Amino acid sequence: MNERVELRASYRYIKDHPWVVQGITGFLSAYFMERPGFQVNKHFDELETGMHVWVCDIPPNMKFRILLRRLKEDIPPCHYQQVETEATTCPQYFLDSPNTETP
């Protein structure tokens, strides 16, 4: 059974690099073709925070951090971290500009 994961990009990072939303979307689309079982279910702009969110399904044996390391090679410098969430919600990974604090 696949696991649901959210990838979030901060408003600050998107504002600094306006093309990055298109870049991430393209990367995830290409990853879908490369990795059986990987799928992007939804992409939306979270109005309250200005973040862009991609909701992905990943196969059980996939390490999402490997995808993030590859993604970082295709986009402007950033840092990522896993955000602490409740056990009932899916894991969330947050991309932001380098040298910035957590949301």
C-alpha atoms as a PDB file:
ATOM      1  CA  MET A   1       0.000   0.000   0.000  1.00  0.00           C
ATOM      2  CA  ASN A   2       1.319   3.441  -0.932  1.00  0.00           C
ATOM      3  CA  GLU A   3       2.105   6.140   1.629  1.00  0.00           C
ATOM      4  CA  ARG A   4       0.932   9.737   1.265  1.00  0.00           C
ATOM      5  CA  VAL A   5       3.575  12.485   1.627  1.00  0.00           C
ATOM      6  CA  GLU A   6       3.344  16.267   1.284  1.00  0.00           C
ATOM      7  CA  LEU A   7       6.064  18.408  -0.243  1.00  0.00           C
ATOM      8  CA  ARG A   8       5.737  22.088   0.677  1.00  0.00           C
ATOM      9  CA  ALA A   9       7.636  25.084  -0.701  1.00  0.00           C
ATOM     10  CA  SER A  10       7.692  28.286   1.348  1.00  0.00           C
ATOM     11  CA  TYR A  11       6.299  31.580   0.114  1.00  0.00           C
ATOM     12  CA  ARG A  12       9.734  33.177   0.606  1.00  0.00           C
ATOM     13  CA  TYR A  13      11.466  30.550  -1.572  1.00  0.00           C
ATOM     14  CA  ILE A  14       8.842  30.856  -4.318  1.00  0.00           C
ATOM     15  CA  LYS A  15       9.010  34.655  -4.178  1.00  0.00           C
ATOM     16  CA  ASP A  16      12.815  34.558  -4.516  1.00  0.00           C
ATOM     17  CA  HIS A  17      12.615  32.080  -7.434  1.00  0.00           C
ATOM     18  CA  PRO A  18       9.237  32.426  -9.229  1.00  0.00           C
ATOM     19  CA  TRP A  19       9.965  29.617 -11.716  1.00  0.00           C
ATOM     20  CA  VAL A  20      10.605  27.051  -8.970  1.00  0.00           C
ATOM     21  CA  VAL A  21       6.930  25.947  -8.787  1.00  0.00           C
ATOM     22  CA  GLN A  22       7.053  24.994 -12.454  1.00  0.00           C
ATOM     23  CA  GLY A  23      10.450  23.359 -11.927  1.00  0.00           C
ATOM     24  CA  ILE A  24       9.260  21.190  -9.028  1.00  0.00           C
ATOM     25  CA  THR A  25       6.080  20.236 -10.873  1.00  0.00           C
ATOM     26  CA  GLY A  26       8.117  19.208 -13.921  1.00  0.00           C
ATOM     27  CA  PHE A  27      10.578  17.247 -11.816  1.00  0.00           C
ATOM     28  CA  LEU A  28       7.765  15.349 -10.064  1.00  0.00           C
ATOM     29  CA  SER A  29       6.116  14.601 -13.418  1.00  0.00           C
ATOM     30  CA  ALA A  30       9.382  13.161 -14.731  1.00  0.00           C
ATOM     31  CA  TYR A  31       9.868  11.169 -11.520  1.00  0.00           C
ATOM     32  CA  PHE A  32       6.418   9.646 -12.066  1.00  0.00           C
ATOM     33  CA  MET A  33       7.639   8.271 -15.410  1.00  0.00           C
ATOM     34  CA  GLU A  34      10.831   6.924 -13.823  1.00  0.00           C
ATOM     35  CA  ARG A  35       9.506   5.382 -10.618  1.00  0.00           C
ATOM     36  CA  PRO A  36       6.584   2.915 -10.738  1.00  0.00           C
ATOM     37  CA  GLY A  37       4.125   3.528  -7.905  1.00  0.00           C
ATOM     38  CA  PHE A  38       5.025   7.211  -7.454  1.00  0.00           C
ATOM     39  CA  GLN A  39       2.195   9.624  -8.159  1.00  0.00           C
ATOM     40  CA  VAL A  40       1.309  13.277  -7.558  1.00  0.00           C
ATOM     41  CA  ASN A  41      -2.314  13.379  -6.435  1.00  0.00           C
ATOM     42  CA  LYS A  42      -2.752  17.094  -5.961  1.00  0.00           C
ATOM     43  CA  HIS A  43      -0.911  20.386  -6.269  1.00  0.00           C
ATOM     44  CA  PHE A  44      -2.338  23.540  -4.740  1.00  0.00           C
ATOM     45  CA  ASP A  45      -1.457  26.966  -3.403  1.00  0.00           C
ATOM     46  CA  GLU A  46      -2.256  27.205   0.314  1.00  0.00           C
ATOM     47  CA  LEU A  47      -3.819  30.651   0.594  1.00  0.00           C
ATOM     48  CA  GLU A  48      -3.252  31.127   4.337  1.00  0.00           C
ATOM     49  CA  THR A  49       0.516  30.595   4.143  1.00  0.00           C
ATOM     50  CA  GLY A  50       1.351  31.239   0.481  1.00  0.00           C
ATOM     51  CA  MET A  51       3.020  27.819   0.301  1.00  0.00           C
ATOM     52  CA  HIS A  52       2.709  25.516  -2.661  1.00  0.00           C
ATOM     53  CA  VAL A  53       1.870  21.944  -1.689  1.00  0.00           C
ATOM     54  CA  TRP A  54       2.277  18.742  -3.691  1.00  0.00           C
ATOM     55  CA  VAL A  55       0.490  15.696  -2.266  1.00  0.00           C
ATOM     56  CA  CYS A  56       2.256  12.547  -3.452  1.00  0.00           C
ATOM     57  CA  ASP A  57       1.719   8.803  -3.109  1.00  0.00           C
ATOM     58  CA  ILE A  58       4.943   6.857  -2.778  1.00  0.00           C
ATOM     59  CA  PRO A  59       5.524   3.096  -2.815  1.00  0.00           C
ATOM     60  CA  PRO A  60       6.347   1.490   0.554  1.00  0.00           C
ATOM     61  CA  ASN A  61      10.012   0.853  -0.285  1.00  0.00           C
ATOM     62  CA  MET A  62      10.702   4.393  -1.563  1.00  0.00           C
ATOM     63  CA  LYS A  63      12.813   6.840   0.453  1.00  0.00           C
ATOM     64  CA  PHE A  64      11.381  10.346  -0.075  1.00  0.00           C
ATOM     65  CA  ARG A  65      14.661  11.956   1.011  1.00  0.00           C
ATOM     66  CA  ILE A  66      16.359  10.442  -2.049  1.00  0.00           C
ATOM     67  CA  LEU A  67      13.809  12.218  -4.250  1.00  0.00           C
ATOM     68  CA  LEU A  68      14.515  15.470  -2.364  1.00  0.00           C
ATOM     69  CA  ARG A  69      18.285  15.140  -2.844  1.00  0.00           C
ATOM     70  CA  ARG A  70      17.784  14.710  -6.587  1.00  0.00           C
ATOM     71  CA  LEU A  71      15.292  17.587  -6.708  1.00  0.00           C
ATOM     72  CA  LYS A  72      17.823  19.918  -5.033  1.00  0.00           C
ATOM     73  CA  GLU A  73      20.132  19.418  -8.017  1.00  0.00           C
ATOM     74  CA  ASP A  74      17.483  20.897 -10.360  1.00  0.00           C
ATOM     75  CA  ILE A  75      16.303  23.911  -8.379  1.00  0.00           C
ATOM     76  CA  PRO A  76      17.945  26.975  -6.777  1.00  0.00           C
ATOM     77  CA  PRO A  77      19.772  26.434  -3.465  1.00  0.00           C
ATOM     78  CA  CYS A  78      17.420  25.509  -0.651  1.00  0.00           C
ATOM     79  CA  HIS A  79      17.255  23.451   2.467  1.00  0.00           C
ATOM     80  CA  TYR A  80      14.620  20.916   3.333  1.00  0.00           C
ATOM     81  CA  GLN A  81      13.446  19.304   6.498  1.00  0.00           C
ATOM     82  CA  GLN A  82      10.731  16.992   7.670  1.00  0.00           C
ATOM     83  CA  VAL A  83       8.095  18.890   9.607  1.00  0.00           C
ATOM     84  CA  GLU A  84       6.833  17.377  12.840  1.00  0.00           C
ATOM     85  CA  THR A  85       3.176  16.411  12.392  1.00  0.00           C
ATOM     86  CA  GLU A  86       0.581  14.506  14.323  1.00  0.00           C
ATOM     87  CA  ALA A  87       0.605  10.735  13.898  1.00  0.00           C
ATOM     88  CA  THR A  88      -2.733  10.941  12.084  1.00  0.00           C
ATOM     89  CA  THR A  89      -1.415  13.205   9.300  1.00  0.00           C
ATOM     90  CA  CYS A  90       0.940  12.327   6.487  1.00  0.00           C
ATOM     91  CA  PRO A  91       4.656  13.196   6.596  1.00  0.00           C
ATOM     92  CA  GLN A  92       5.465  16.704   5.376  1.00  0.00           C
ATOM     93  CA  TYR A  93       8.717  17.965   3.897  1.00  0.00           C
ATOM     94  CA  PHE A  94       9.363  21.691   3.767  1.00  0.00           C
ATOM     95  CA  LEU A  95      11.592  23.483   1.216  1.00  0.00           C
ATOM     96  CA  ASP A  96      12.824  26.952   2.072  1.00  0.00           C
ATOM     97  CA  SER A  97      15.546  29.419   1.184  1.00  0.00           C
ATOM     98  CA  PRO A  98      18.930  28.654   2.760  1.00  0.00           C
ATOM     99  CA  ASN A  99      19.688  30.125   6.184  1.00  0.00           C
ATOM    100  CA  THR A 100      16.065  30.639   7.218  1.00  0.00           C
ATOM    101  CA  GLU A 101      14.100  29.428  10.180  1.00  0.00           C
ATOM    102  CA  THR A 102      11.324  26.813  10.193  1.00  0.00           C
ATOM    103  CA  PRO A 103       7.779  28.037   9.398  1.00  0.00           C
END
